[in-house]
Amino acid sequence: MQTMFDKLKENLVIIYRKGLDADKKLDEVQQQGKGKFQFIFTTDSGFEAQSKRFAPYIEELATDVMQLELASQQKIEADLPMVVKKMEMLFATLGQLQGSLKG
């Protein structure tokens, strides 16, 4: 079980670093008058946060991982799929953004 939490935390660190870079890029793009969107993720994505930046979503995911580590086995089994889904969405979206801003 500890190995799973270690992996979640490792991925969270990667997401955090990519998120910081992405938020800086988004700031630059918006200063140029581009990047006009309401939120990064839609309200049905599973995230409670609603933001034009990645930081609030990453904070929510970090909280989810910390709560998961303290939870009972039954709660872990119930909540782990959503935590993994959020992590996958962040990785995918950060990757797409990075790809679209190159060049």
PDB file of N, CA and C in Angstrom:
ATOM      1  N   MET A   1       0.833  -1.200   0.000  1.00  0.00           N
ATOM      2  CA  MET A   1       0.000   0.000   0.000  1.00  0.00           C
ATOM      3  C   MET A   1       0.874   1.260   0.000  1.00  0.00           C
ATOM      4  N   GLN A   2       1.966   1.230   0.772  1.00  0.00           N
ATOM      5  CA  GLN A   2       2.836   2.404   0.841  1.00  0.00           C
ATOM      6  C   GLN A   2       3.448   2.714  -0.523  1.00  0.00           C
ATOM      7  N   THR A   3       3.753   1.675  -1.290  1.00  0.00           N
ATOM      8  CA  THR A   3       4.310   1.872  -2.624  1.00  0.00           C
ATOM      9  C   THR A   3       3.338   2.658  -3.498  1.00  0.00           C
ATOM     10  N   MET A   4       2.058   2.354  -3.397  1.00  0.00           N
ATOM     11  CA  MET A   4       1.047   3.076  -4.168  1.00  0.00           C
ATOM     12  C   MET A   4       1.033   4.558  -3.782  1.00  0.00           C
ATOM     13  N   PHE A   5       1.086   4.839  -2.489  1.00  0.00           N
ATOM     14  CA  PHE A   5       1.080   6.237  -2.044  1.00  0.00           C
ATOM     15  C   PHE A   5       2.352   6.954  -2.485  1.00  0.00           C
ATOM     16  N   ASP A   6       3.482   6.251  -2.446  1.00  0.00           N
ATOM     17  CA  ASP A   6       4.737   6.845  -2.913  1.00  0.00           C
ATOM     18  C   ASP A   6       4.638   7.209  -4.393  1.00  0.00           C
ATOM     19  N   LYS A   7       4.054   6.328  -5.193  1.00  0.00           N
ATOM     20  CA  LYS A   7       3.882   6.585  -6.631  1.00  0.00           C
ATOM     21  C   LYS A   7       2.946   7.774  -6.860  1.00  0.00           C
ATOM     22  N   LEU A   8       1.847   7.818  -6.118  1.00  0.00           N
ATOM     23  CA  LEU A   8       0.919   8.947  -6.236  1.00  0.00           C
ATOM     24  C   LEU A   8       1.638  10.261  -5.932  1.00  0.00           C
ATOM     25  N   LYS A   9       2.457  10.248  -4.882  1.00  0.00           N
ATOM     26  CA  LYS A   9       3.178  11.464  -4.496  1.00  0.00           C
ATOM     27  C   LYS A   9       4.223  11.844  -5.540  1.00  0.00           C
ATOM     28  N   GLU A  10       4.921  10.854  -6.105  1.00  0.00           N
ATOM     29  CA  GLU A  10       5.896  11.129  -7.168  1.00  0.00           C
ATOM     30  C   GLU A  10       5.209  11.799  -8.354  1.00  0.00           C
ATOM     31  N   ASN A  11       4.071  11.263  -8.754  1.00  0.00           N
ATOM     32  CA  ASN A  11       3.321  11.842  -9.872  1.00  0.00           C
ATOM     33  C   ASN A  11       2.804  13.234  -9.531  1.00  0.00           C
ATOM     34  N   LEU A  12       2.434  13.435  -8.295  1.00  0.00           N
ATOM     35  CA  LEU A  12       1.962  14.742  -7.848  1.00  0.00           C
ATOM     36  C   LEU A  12       3.075  15.788  -7.966  1.00  0.00           C
ATOM     37  N   VAL A  13       4.291  15.412  -7.637  1.00  0.00           N
ATOM     38  CA  VAL A  13       5.435  16.325  -7.758  1.00  0.00           C
ATOM     39  C   VAL A  13       5.650  16.705  -9.225  1.00  0.00           C
ATOM     40  N   ILE A  14       5.554  15.729 -10.116  1.00  0.00           N
ATOM     41  CA  ILE A  14       5.712  15.989 -11.548  1.00  0.00           C
ATOM     42  C   ILE A  14       4.615  16.938 -12.033  1.00  0.00           C
ATOM     43  N   ILE A  15       3.386  16.650 -11.635  1.00  0.00           N
ATOM     44  CA  ILE A  15       2.252  17.505 -12.020  1.00  0.00           C
ATOM     45  C   ILE A  15       2.440  18.917 -11.473  1.00  0.00           C
ATOM     46  N   TYR A  16       2.910  19.022 -10.251  1.00  0.00           N
ATOM     47  CA  TYR A  16       3.127  20.335  -9.630  1.00  0.00           C
ATOM     48  C   TYR A  16       4.113  21.162 -10.456  1.00  0.00           C
ATOM     49  N   ARG A  17       5.237  20.547 -10.815  1.00  0.00           N
ATOM     50  CA  ARG A  17       6.261  21.266 -11.587  1.00  0.00           C
ATOM     51  C   ARG A  17       5.732  21.672 -12.959  1.00  0.00           C
ATOM     52  N   LYS A  18       5.059  20.751 -13.631  1.00  0.00           N
ATOM     53  CA  LYS A  18       4.500  21.059 -14.951  1.00  0.00           C
ATOM     54  C   LYS A  18       3.412  22.125 -14.829  1.00  0.00           C
ATOM     55  N   GLY A  19       2.654  22.063 -13.754  1.00  0.00           N
ATOM     56  CA  GLY A  19       1.590  23.033 -13.526  1.00  0.00           C
ATOM     57  C   GLY A  19       2.114  24.437 -13.312  1.00  0.00           C
ATOM     58  N   LEU A  20       3.214  24.562 -12.572  1.00  0.00           N
ATOM     59  CA  LEU A  20       3.821  25.887 -12.378  1.00  0.00           C
ATOM     60  C   LEU A  20       4.241  26.486 -13.714  1.00  0.00           C
ATOM     61  N   ASP A  21       4.904  25.675 -14.530  1.00  0.00           N
ATOM     62  CA  ASP A  21       5.336  26.144 -15.854  1.00  0.00           C
ATOM     63  C   ASP A  21       4.130  26.519 -16.711  1.00  0.00           C
ATOM     64  N   ALA A  22       3.106  25.677 -16.680  1.00  0.00           N
ATOM     65  CA  ALA A  22       1.910  25.921 -17.490  1.00  0.00           C
ATOM     66  C   ALA A  22       1.207  27.199 -17.057  1.00  0.00           C
ATOM     67  N   ASP A  23       1.106  27.432 -15.758  1.00  0.00           N
ATOM     68  CA  ASP A  23       0.456  28.649 -15.278  1.00  0.00           C
ATOM     69  C   ASP A  23       1.221  29.895 -15.729  1.00  0.00           C
ATOM     70  N   LYS A  24       2.555  29.823 -15.735  1.00  0.00           N
ATOM     71  CA  LYS A  24       3.354  30.955 -16.231  1.00  0.00           C
ATOM     72  C   LYS A  24       3.061  31.202 -17.701  1.00  0.00           C
ATOM     73  N   LYS A  25       2.999  30.131 -18.477  1.00  0.00           N
ATOM     74  CA  LYS A  25       2.715  30.249 -19.916  1.00  0.00           C
ATOM     75  C   LYS A  25       1.312  30.828 -20.130  1.00  0.00           C
ATOM     76  N   LEU A  26       0.357  30.367 -19.332  1.00  0.00           N
ATOM     77  CA  LEU A  26      -1.010  30.881 -19.457  1.00  0.00           C
ATOM     78  C   LEU A  26      -1.064  32.367 -19.132  1.00  0.00           C
ATOM     79  N   ASP A  27      -0.293  32.789 -18.144  1.00  0.00           N
ATOM     80  CA  ASP A  27      -0.228  34.222 -17.820  1.00  0.00           C
ATOM     81  C   ASP A  27       0.295  35.012 -19.022  1.00  0.00           C
ATOM     82  N   GLU A  28       1.350  34.500 -19.654  1.00  0.00           N
ATOM     83  CA  GLU A  28       1.930  35.170 -20.817  1.00  0.00           C
ATOM     84  C   GLU A  28       0.925  35.247 -21.965  1.00  0.00           C
ATOM     85  N   VAL A  29       0.249  34.139 -22.221  1.00  0.00           N
ATOM     86  CA  VAL A  29      -0.719  34.076 -23.315  1.00  0.00           C
ATOM     87  C   VAL A  29      -1.863  35.055 -23.067  1.00  0.00           C
ATOM     88  N   GLN A  30      -2.343  35.116 -21.840  1.00  0.00           N
ATOM     89  CA  GLN A  30      -3.452  36.031 -21.546  1.00  0.00           C
ATOM     90  C   GLN A  30      -3.018  37.484 -21.628  1.00  0.00           C
ATOM     91  N   GLN A  31      -1.779  37.769 -21.280  1.00  0.00           N
ATOM     92  CA  GLN A  31      -1.285  39.140 -21.398  1.00  0.00           C
ATOM     93  C   GLN A  31      -1.223  39.575 -22.857  1.00  0.00           C
ATOM     94  N   GLN A  32      -1.127  38.604 -23.764  1.00  0.00           N
ATOM     95  CA  GLN A  32      -1.116  38.887 -25.197  1.00  0.00           C
ATOM     96  C   GLN A  32      -2.538  38.977 -25.750  1.00  0.00           C
ATOM     97  N   GLY A  33      -3.527  38.841 -24.872  1.00  0.00           N
ATOM     98  CA  GLY A  33      -4.918  38.939 -25.290  1.00  0.00           C
ATOM     99  C   GLY A  33      -5.483  37.641 -25.834  1.00  0.00           C
ATOM    100  N   LYS A  34      -4.761  36.552 -25.628  1.00  0.00           N
ATOM    101  CA  LYS A  34      -5.225  35.238 -26.093  1.00  0.00           C
ATOM    102  C   LYS A  34      -5.635  34.414 -24.888  1.00  0.00           C
ATOM    103  N   GLY A  35      -6.022  33.179 -25.144  1.00  0.00           N
ATOM    104  CA  GLY A  35      -6.357  32.277 -24.039  1.00  0.00           C
ATOM    105  C   GLY A  35      -7.612  32.684 -23.306  1.00  0.00           C
ATOM    106  N   LYS A  36      -8.626  33.020 -24.046  1.00  0.00           N
ATOM    107  CA  LYS A  36      -9.886  33.438 -23.417  1.00  0.00           C
ATOM    108  C   LYS A  36     -10.765  32.212 -23.187  1.00  0.00           C
ATOM    109  N   PHE A  37     -10.733  31.721 -21.975  1.00  0.00           N
ATOM    110  CA  PHE A  37     -11.552  30.580 -21.581  1.00  0.00           C
ATOM    111  C   PHE A  37     -11.939  30.764 -20.132  1.00  0.00           C
ATOM    112  N   GLN A  38     -12.991  30.086 -19.730  1.00  0.00           N
ATOM    113  CA  GLN A  38     -13.504  30.237 -18.361  1.00  0.00           C
ATOM    114  C   GLN A  38     -12.723  29.396 -17.366  1.00  0.00           C
ATOM    115  N   PHE A  39     -12.678  28.091 -17.621  1.00  0.00           N
ATOM    116  CA  PHE A  39     -12.036  27.169 -16.690  1.00  0.00           C
ATOM    117  C   PHE A  39     -11.238  26.139 -17.476  1.00  0.00           C
ATOM    118  N   ILE A  40     -10.236  25.570 -16.841  1.00  0.00           N
ATOM    119  CA  ILE A  40      -9.440  24.534 -17.497  1.00  0.00           C
ATOM    120  C   ILE A  40     -10.271  23.266 -17.643  1.00  0.00           C
ATOM    121  N   PHE A  41     -10.984  22.888 -16.574  1.00  0.00           N
ATOM    122  CA  PHE A  41     -11.814  21.685 -16.611  1.00  0.00           C
ATOM    123  C   PHE A  41     -13.286  22.053 -16.444  1.00  0.00           C
ATOM    124  N   THR A  42     -14.135  21.304 -17.091  1.00  0.00           N
ATOM    125  CA  THR A  42     -15.576  21.538 -16.974  1.00  0.00           C
ATOM    126  C   THR A  42     -16.071  21.100 -15.601  1.00  0.00           C
ATOM    127  N   THR A  43     -17.264  21.526 -15.268  1.00  0.00           N
ATOM    128  CA  THR A  43     -17.823  21.224 -13.952  1.00  0.00           C
ATOM    129  C   THR A  43     -18.106  19.741 -13.757  1.00  0.00           C
ATOM    130  N   ASP A  44     -18.217  18.978 -14.836  1.00  0.00           N
ATOM    131  CA  ASP A  44     -18.471  17.535 -14.703  1.00  0.00           C
ATOM    132  C   ASP A  44     -17.192  16.697 -14.735  1.00  0.00           C
ATOM    133  N   SER A  45     -16.041  17.336 -14.592  1.00  0.00           N
ATOM    134  CA  SER A  45     -14.760  16.631 -14.668  1.00  0.00           C
ATOM    135  C   SER A  45     -14.433  15.831 -13.411  1.00  0.00           C
ATOM    136  N   GLY A  46     -15.084  16.171 -12.302  1.00  0.00           N
ATOM    137  CA  GLY A  46     -14.756  15.531 -11.031  1.00  0.00           C
ATOM    138  C   GLY A  46     -14.028  16.467 -10.082  1.00  0.00           C
ATOM    139  N   PHE A  47     -13.501  17.559 -10.621  1.00  0.00           N
ATOM    140  CA  PHE A  47     -12.839  18.557  -9.779  1.00  0.00           C
ATOM    141  C   PHE A  47     -13.877  19.496  -9.188  1.00  0.00           C
ATOM    142  N   GLU A  48     -13.664  19.871  -7.942  1.00  0.00           N
ATOM    143  CA  GLU A  48     -14.505  20.892  -7.322  1.00  0.00           C
ATOM    144  C   GLU A  48     -14.003  22.281  -7.695  1.00  0.00           C
ATOM    145  N   ALA A  49     -12.682  22.396  -7.875  1.00  0.00           N
ATOM    146  CA  ALA A  49     -12.073  23.679  -8.235  1.00  0.00           C
ATOM    147  C   ALA A  49     -12.544  24.106  -9.618  1.00  0.00           C
ATOM    148  N   GLN A  50     -12.614  25.398  -9.808  1.00  0.00           N
ATOM    149  CA  GLN A  50     -12.908  25.985 -11.105  1.00  0.00           C
ATOM    150  C   GLN A  50     -11.964  27.166 -11.268  1.00  0.00           C
ATOM    151  N   SER A  51     -11.029  27.031 -12.206  1.00  0.00           N
ATOM    152  CA  SER A  51     -10.002  28.055 -12.335  1.00  0.00           C
ATOM    153  C   SER A  51      -9.465  28.125 -13.759  1.00  0.00           C
ATOM    154  N   LYS A  52      -8.853  29.261 -14.064  1.00  0.00           N
ATOM    155  CA  LYS A  52      -8.161  29.442 -15.338  1.00  0.00           C
ATOM    156  C   LYS A  52      -6.697  29.032 -15.211  1.00  0.00           C
ATOM    157  N   ARG A  53      -6.297  28.589 -14.038  1.00  0.00           N
ATOM    158  CA  ARG A  53      -4.924  28.161 -13.772  1.00  0.00           C
ATOM    159  C   ARG A  53      -4.935  26.755 -13.190  1.00  0.00           C
ATOM    160  N   PHE A  54      -3.790  26.093 -13.273  1.00  0.00           N
ATOM    161  CA  PHE A  54      -3.686  24.711 -12.815  1.00  0.00           C
ATOM    162  C   PHE A  54      -3.523  24.584 -11.299  1.00  0.00           C
ATOM    163  N   ALA A  55      -2.959  25.591 -10.648  1.00  0.00           N
ATOM    164  CA  ALA A  55      -2.650  25.514  -9.221  1.00  0.00           C
ATOM    165  C   ALA A  55      -3.826  25.044  -8.353  1.00  0.00           C
ATOM    166  N   PRO A  56      -5.026  25.597  -8.493  1.00  0.00           N
ATOM    167  CA  PRO A  56      -6.131  25.140  -7.644  1.00  0.00           C
ATOM    168  C   PRO A  56      -6.481  23.650  -7.855  1.00  0.00           C
ATOM    169  N   TYR A  57      -6.356  23.175  -9.096  1.00  0.00           N
ATOM    170  CA  TYR A  57      -6.641  21.772  -9.373  1.00  0.00           C
ATOM    171  C   TYR A  57      -5.571  20.872  -8.744  1.00  0.00           C
ATOM    172  N   ILE A  58      -4.341  21.336  -8.798  1.00  0.00           N
ATOM    173  CA  ILE A  58      -3.238  20.569  -8.211  1.00  0.00           C
ATOM    174  C   ILE A  58      -3.365  20.541  -6.694  1.00  0.00           C
ATOM    175  N   GLU A  59      -3.751  21.651  -6.107  1.00  0.00           N
ATOM    176  CA  GLU A  59      -3.971  21.696  -4.658  1.00  0.00           C
ATOM    177  C   GLU A  59      -5.080  20.723  -4.253  1.00  0.00           C
ATOM    178  N   GLU A  60      -6.144  20.696  -5.031  1.00  0.00           N
ATOM    179  CA  GLU A  60      -7.247  19.777  -4.742  1.00  0.00           C
ATOM    180  C   GLU A  60      -6.773  18.324  -4.825  1.00  0.00           C
ATOM    181  N   LEU A  61      -5.988  18.011  -5.848  1.00  0.00           N
ATOM    182  CA  LEU A  61      -5.471  16.657  -6.000  1.00  0.00           C
ATOM    183  C   LEU A  61      -4.541  16.299  -4.836  1.00  0.00           C
ATOM    184  N   ALA A  62      -3.698  17.231  -4.424  1.00  0.00           N
ATOM    185  CA  ALA A  62      -2.792  16.980  -3.294  1.00  0.00           C
ATOM    186  C   ALA A  62      -3.584  16.692  -2.020  1.00  0.00           C
ATOM    187  N   THR A  63      -4.644  17.443  -1.805  1.00  0.00           N
ATOM    188  CA  THR A  63      -5.513  17.209  -0.648  1.00  0.00           C
ATOM    189  C   THR A  63      -6.153  15.825  -0.732  1.00  0.00           C
ATOM    190  N   ASP A  64      -6.613  15.467  -1.920  1.00  0.00           N
ATOM    191  CA  ASP A  64      -7.218  14.141  -2.121  1.00  0.00           C
ATOM    192  C   ASP A  64      -6.227  13.029  -1.778  1.00  0.00           C
ATOM    193  N   VAL A  65      -4.984  13.182  -2.227  1.00  0.00           N
ATOM    194  CA  VAL A  65      -3.962  12.157  -1.967  1.00  0.00           C
ATOM    195  C   VAL A  65      -3.670  12.070  -0.472  1.00  0.00           C
ATOM    196  N   MET A  66      -3.562  13.212   0.199  1.00  0.00           N
ATOM    197  CA  MET A  66      -3.301  13.207   1.648  1.00  0.00           C
ATOM    198  C   MET A  66      -4.451  12.549   2.412  1.00  0.00           C
ATOM    199  N   GLN A  67      -5.676  12.869   2.021  1.00  0.00           N
ATOM    200  CA  GLN A  67      -6.830  12.273   2.689  1.00  0.00           C
ATOM    201  C   GLN A  67      -6.900  10.772   2.425  1.00  0.00           C
ATOM    202  N   LEU A  68      -6.531  10.373   1.235  1.00  0.00           N
ATOM    203  CA  LEU A  68      -6.541   8.963   0.871  1.00  0.00           C
ATOM    204  C   LEU A  68      -5.562   8.181   1.738  1.00  0.00           C
ATOM    205  N   GLU A  69      -4.422   8.768   1.996  1.00  0.00           N
ATOM    206  CA  GLU A  69      -3.393   8.097   2.785  1.00  0.00           C
ATOM    207  C   GLU A  69      -3.849   7.857   4.230  1.00  0.00           C
ATOM    208  N   LEU A  70      -4.735   8.708   4.715  1.00  0.00           N
ATOM    209  CA  LEU A  70      -5.224   8.586   6.085  1.00  0.00           C
ATOM    210  C   LEU A  70      -6.513   7.767   6.192  1.00  0.00           C
ATOM    211  N   ALA A  71      -7.053   7.376   5.055  1.00  0.00           N
ATOM    212  CA  ALA A  71      -8.369   6.736   5.017  1.00  0.00           C
ATOM    213  C   ALA A  71      -8.298   5.234   5.307  1.00  0.00           C
ATOM    214  N   SER A  72      -9.470   4.689   5.573  1.00  0.00           N
ATOM    215  CA  SER A  72      -9.588   3.246   5.766  1.00  0.00           C
ATOM    216  C   SER A  72      -9.454   2.547   4.415  1.00  0.00           C
ATOM    217  N   GLN A  73      -9.221   1.251   4.458  1.00  0.00           N
ATOM    218  CA  GLN A  73      -9.080   0.471   3.231  1.00  0.00           C
ATOM    219  C   GLN A  73     -10.318   0.608   2.339  1.00  0.00           C
ATOM    220  N   GLN A  74     -11.479   0.566   2.942  1.00  0.00           N
ATOM    221  CA  GLN A  74     -12.734   0.674   2.196  1.00  0.00           C
ATOM    222  C   GLN A  74     -12.849   2.042   1.510  1.00  0.00           C
ATOM    223  N   LYS A  75     -12.485   3.095   2.233  1.00  0.00           N
ATOM    224  CA  LYS A  75     -12.535   4.453   1.670  1.00  0.00           C
ATOM    225  C   LYS A  75     -11.501   4.609   0.555  1.00  0.00           C
ATOM    226  N   ILE A  76     -10.338   4.018   0.742  1.00  0.00           N
ATOM    227  CA  ILE A  76      -9.304   4.061  -0.298  1.00  0.00           C
ATOM    228  C   ILE A  76      -9.831   3.426  -1.581  1.00  0.00           C
ATOM    229  N   GLU A  77     -10.425   2.257  -1.448  1.00  0.00           N
ATOM    230  CA  GLU A  77     -10.953   1.550  -2.613  1.00  0.00           C
ATOM    231  C   GLU A  77     -12.055   2.348  -3.301  1.00  0.00           C
ATOM    232  N   ALA A  78     -12.834   3.084  -2.532  1.00  0.00           N
ATOM    233  CA  ALA A  78     -13.924   3.878  -3.102  1.00  0.00           C
ATOM    234  C   ALA A  78     -13.407   5.145  -3.786  1.00  0.00           C
ATOM    235  N   ASP A  79     -12.390   5.783  -3.203  1.00  0.00           N
ATOM    236  CA  ASP A  79     -11.945   7.095  -3.680  1.00  0.00           C
ATOM    237  C   ASP A  79     -10.768   7.053  -4.653  1.00  0.00           C
ATOM    238  N   LEU A  80     -10.010   5.964  -4.641  1.00  0.00           N
ATOM    239  CA  LEU A  80      -8.814   5.884  -5.493  1.00  0.00           C
ATOM    240  C   LEU A  80      -9.108   6.088  -6.982  1.00  0.00           C
ATOM    241  N   PRO A  81     -10.178   5.507  -7.527  1.00  0.00           N
ATOM    242  CA  PRO A  81     -10.427   5.722  -8.968  1.00  0.00           C
ATOM    243  C   PRO A  81     -10.579   7.196  -9.346  1.00  0.00           C
ATOM    244  N   MET A  82     -11.229   8.000  -8.522  1.00  0.00           N
ATOM    245  CA  MET A  82     -11.393   9.423  -8.830  1.00  0.00           C
ATOM    246  C   MET A  82     -10.058  10.158  -8.724  1.00  0.00           C
ATOM    247  N   VAL A  83      -9.250   9.792  -7.749  1.00  0.00           N
ATOM    248  CA  VAL A  83      -7.939  10.421  -7.602  1.00  0.00           C
ATOM    249  C   VAL A  83      -7.087  10.130  -8.836  1.00  0.00           C
ATOM    250  N   VAL A  84      -7.104   8.889  -9.280  1.00  0.00           N
ATOM    251  CA  VAL A  84      -6.339   8.502 -10.470  1.00  0.00           C
ATOM    252  C   VAL A  84      -6.887   9.221 -11.706  1.00  0.00           C
ATOM    253  N   LYS A  85      -8.197   9.330 -11.807  1.00  0.00           N
ATOM    254  CA  LYS A  85      -8.809  10.032 -12.948  1.00  0.00           C
ATOM    255  C   LYS A  85      -8.365  11.494 -12.984  1.00  0.00           C
ATOM    256  N   LYS A  86      -8.393  12.156 -11.836  1.00  0.00           N
ATOM    257  CA  LYS A  86      -7.962  13.556 -11.775  1.00  0.00           C
ATOM    258  C   LYS A  86      -6.500  13.688 -12.187  1.00  0.00           C
ATOM    259  N   MET A  87      -5.680  12.761 -11.705  1.00  0.00           N
ATOM    260  CA  MET A  87      -4.254  12.782 -12.029  1.00  0.00           C
ATOM    261  C   MET A  87      -4.049  12.596 -13.532  1.00  0.00           C
ATOM    262  N   GLU A  88      -4.771  11.658 -14.110  1.00  0.00           N
ATOM    263  CA  GLU A  88      -4.665  11.416 -15.555  1.00  0.00           C
ATOM    264  C   GLU A  88      -5.122  12.630 -16.352  1.00  0.00           C
ATOM    265  N   MET A  89      -6.206  13.270 -15.922  1.00  0.00           N
ATOM    266  CA  MET A  89      -6.699  14.455 -16.625  1.00  0.00           C
ATOM    267  C   MET A  89      -5.672  15.586 -16.567  1.00  0.00           C
ATOM    268  N   LEU A  90      -5.047  15.762 -15.410  1.00  0.00           N
ATOM    269  CA  LEU A  90      -4.040  16.812 -15.293  1.00  0.00           C
ATOM    270  C   LEU A  90      -2.847  16.514 -16.193  1.00  0.00           C
ATOM    271  N   PHE A  91      -2.354  15.271 -16.165  1.00  0.00           N
ATOM    272  CA  PHE A  91      -1.223  14.906 -17.029  1.00  0.00           C
ATOM    273  C   PHE A  91      -1.579  15.146 -18.498  1.00  0.00           C
ATOM    274  N   ALA A  92      -2.744  14.695 -18.916  1.00  0.00           N
ATOM    275  CA  ALA A  92      -3.157  14.827 -20.322  1.00  0.00           C
ATOM    276  C   ALA A  92      -3.294  16.293 -20.724  1.00  0.00           C
ATOM    277  N   THR A  93      -3.953  17.072 -19.899  1.00  0.00           N
ATOM    278  CA  THR A  93      -4.186  18.475 -20.222  1.00  0.00           C
ATOM    279  C   THR A  93      -2.890  19.277 -20.216  1.00  0.00           C
ATOM    280  N   LEU A  94      -2.025  19.004 -19.249  1.00  0.00           N
ATOM    281  CA  LEU A  94      -0.725  19.677 -19.216  1.00  0.00           C
ATOM    282  C   LEU A  94       0.095  19.311 -20.451  1.00  0.00           C
ATOM    283  N   GLY A  95       0.032  18.055 -20.852  1.00  0.00           N
ATOM    284  CA  GLY A  95       0.751  17.612 -22.050  1.00  0.00           C
ATOM    285  C   GLY A  95       0.224  18.281 -23.310  1.00  0.00           C
ATOM    286  N   GLN A  96      -1.096  18.371 -23.411  1.00  0.00           N
ATOM    287  CA  GLN A  96      -1.707  19.029 -24.572  1.00  0.00           C
ATOM    288  C   GLN A  96      -1.330  20.506 -24.623  1.00  0.00           C
ATOM    289  N   LEU A  97      -1.360  21.155 -23.487  1.00  0.00           N
ATOM    290  CA  LEU A  97      -1.007  22.578 -23.433  1.00  0.00           C
ATOM    291  C   LEU A  97       0.447  22.781 -23.822  1.00  0.00           C
ATOM    292  N   GLN A  98       1.309  21.953 -23.286  1.00  0.00           N
ATOM    293  CA  GLN A  98       2.725  22.059 -23.591  1.00  0.00           C
ATOM    294  C   GLN A  98       2.959  21.873 -25.092  1.00  0.00           C
ATOM    295  N   GLY A  99       2.284  20.906 -25.673  1.00  0.00           N
ATOM    296  CA  GLY A  99       2.408  20.659 -27.111  1.00  0.00           C
ATOM    297  C   GLY A  99       1.877  21.804 -27.954  1.00  0.00           C
ATOM    298  N   SER A 100       0.791  22.414 -27.534  1.00  0.00           N
ATOM    299  CA  SER A 100       0.184  23.482 -28.331  1.00  0.00           C
ATOM    300  C   SER A 100       0.955  24.803 -28.202  1.00  0.00           C
ATOM    301  N   LEU A 101       1.714  24.971 -27.140  1.00  0.00           N
ATOM    302  CA  LEU A 101       2.443  26.233 -26.948  1.00  0.00           C
ATOM    303  C   LEU A 101       3.853  26.189 -27.507  1.00  0.00           C
ATOM    304  N   LYS A 102       4.290  25.022 -27.959  1.00  0.00           N
ATOM    305  CA  LYS A 102       5.627  24.936 -28.561  1.00  0.00           C
ATOM    306  C   LYS A 102       5.597  25.561 -29.939  1.00  0.00           C
ATOM    307  N   GLY A 103       6.690  26.229 -30.252  1.00  0.00           N
ATOM    308  CA  GLY A 103       6.789  26.750 -31.613  1.00  0.00           C
ATOM    309  C   GLY A 103       6.578  28.202 -31.741  1.00  0.00           C
TER     310      GLY A 103
END
